[in-house]
Amino acid sequence: MDDIKNFTDFKELNELAHPSHIHLHDPRQGYLSRFNELYRSYQRLENYMHDSNQPQEDIDKVKAKADELFNHLRTLNK
């Protein structure tokens, strides 16, 4: 409290400590966001392969991997 010299410093400190500025991070949220990004990467790869006229077998393999990832994620959230 010695660092707070006047009322304006205290007011700024109080504004920084307002509950709207405090963000609690859930570790599961970070885990889910990584899964989400990986799933989107599979979708982008599938679209790229489709646009570049890759064999349908390869596209189906990527789609199966994305579905496997999504099903794994669904079992984690139960």
Protein backbone atom coordinates (compact mmCIF):
# COMPACT_ATOMS: atom_id res chain seq x y z
CA MET A 1 0.00 0.00 0.00
CA ASP A 2 3.02 2.31 0.29
CA ASP A 3 3.19 2.45 -3.51
CA ILE A 4 -0.25 4.06 -3.73
CA LYS A 5 0.47 7.75 -3.35
CA ASN A 6 -2.85 9.35 -4.14
CA PHE A 7 -6.47 8.62 -4.86
CA THR A 8 -6.03 8.37 -8.65
CA ASP A 9 -3.54 5.53 -8.26
CA PHE A 10 -5.97 3.74 -6.00
CA LYS A 11 -8.78 4.35 -8.48
CA GLU A 12 -6.71 2.87 -11.33
CA LEU A 13 -5.79 -0.11 -9.16
CA ASN A 14 -9.43 -0.62 -8.28
CA GLU A 15 -10.42 -0.56 -11.95
CA LEU A 16 -7.80 -3.18 -12.79
CA ALA A 17 -9.12 -5.43 -10.04
CA HIS A 18 -12.71 -5.16 -11.26
CA PRO A 19 -14.27 -8.62 -11.73
CA SER A 20 -14.79 -7.97 -15.44
CA HIS A 21 -10.99 -7.80 -15.86
CA ILE A 22 -10.32 -11.06 -14.02
CA HIS A 23 -10.32 -14.09 -16.28
CA LEU A 24 -10.22 -17.57 -14.80
CA HIS A 25 -8.80 -20.14 -17.13
CA ASP A 26 -10.13 -23.67 -17.11
CA PRO A 27 -7.40 -26.17 -18.05
CA ARG A 28 -9.98 -28.25 -19.91
CA GLN A 29 -10.81 -25.24 -22.09
CA GLY A 30 -7.24 -25.10 -23.37
CA TYR A 31 -7.30 -28.83 -24.01
CA LEU A 32 -10.56 -28.51 -25.94
CA SER A 33 -9.31 -25.58 -27.98
CA ARG A 34 -6.28 -27.62 -29.11
CA PHE A 35 -8.60 -30.45 -30.17
CA ASN A 36 -10.80 -27.94 -31.96
CA GLU A 37 -7.85 -26.51 -33.87
CA LEU A 38 -6.67 -29.97 -34.84
CA TYR A 39 -10.16 -30.88 -36.06
CA ARG A 40 -10.29 -27.68 -38.13
CA SER A 41 -6.90 -28.56 -39.60
CA TYR A 42 -8.27 -31.91 -40.73
CA GLN A 43 -11.22 -30.13 -42.34
CA ARG A 44 -8.96 -27.64 -44.12
CA LEU A 45 -6.77 -30.50 -45.36
CA GLU A 46 -9.84 -32.35 -46.62
CA ASN A 47 -11.04 -29.25 -48.49
CA TYR A 48 -7.59 -28.66 -49.95
CA MET A 49 -7.35 -32.28 -51.11
CA HIS A 50 -10.79 -32.06 -52.67
CA ASP A 51 -9.91 -28.82 -54.50
CA SER A 52 -6.61 -30.25 -55.78
CA ASN A 53 -8.33 -33.36 -57.19
CA GLN A 54 -6.64 -35.88 -54.89
CA PRO A 55 -7.88 -39.48 -54.96
CA GLN A 56 -11.13 -40.01 -53.07
CA GLU A 57 -9.51 -42.81 -51.02
CA ASP A 58 -7.05 -40.35 -49.50
CA ILE A 59 -9.79 -37.83 -48.79
CA ASP A 60 -11.81 -40.55 -47.07
CA LYS A 61 -8.80 -41.45 -44.89
CA VAL A 62 -8.47 -37.83 -43.72
CA LYS A 63 -12.21 -37.66 -43.10
CA ALA A 64 -12.06 -40.88 -41.07
CA LYS A 65 -9.22 -39.45 -38.95
CA ALA A 66 -11.26 -36.30 -38.30
CA ASP A 67 -14.29 -38.38 -37.31
CA GLU A 68 -12.13 -40.52 -35.04
CA LEU A 69 -10.78 -37.41 -33.35
CA PHE A 70 -14.29 -35.99 -32.92
CA ASN A 71 -15.58 -39.25 -31.42
CA HIS A 72 -12.63 -39.33 -29.02
CA LEU A 73 -13.41 -35.80 -27.95
CA ARG A 74 -17.06 -36.70 -27.43
CA THR A 75 -16.10 -39.58 -25.08
CA LEU A 76 -13.89 -37.20 -23.06
CA ASN A 77 -16.78 -34.80 -22.46
CA LYS A 78 -19.16 -37.41 -21.05
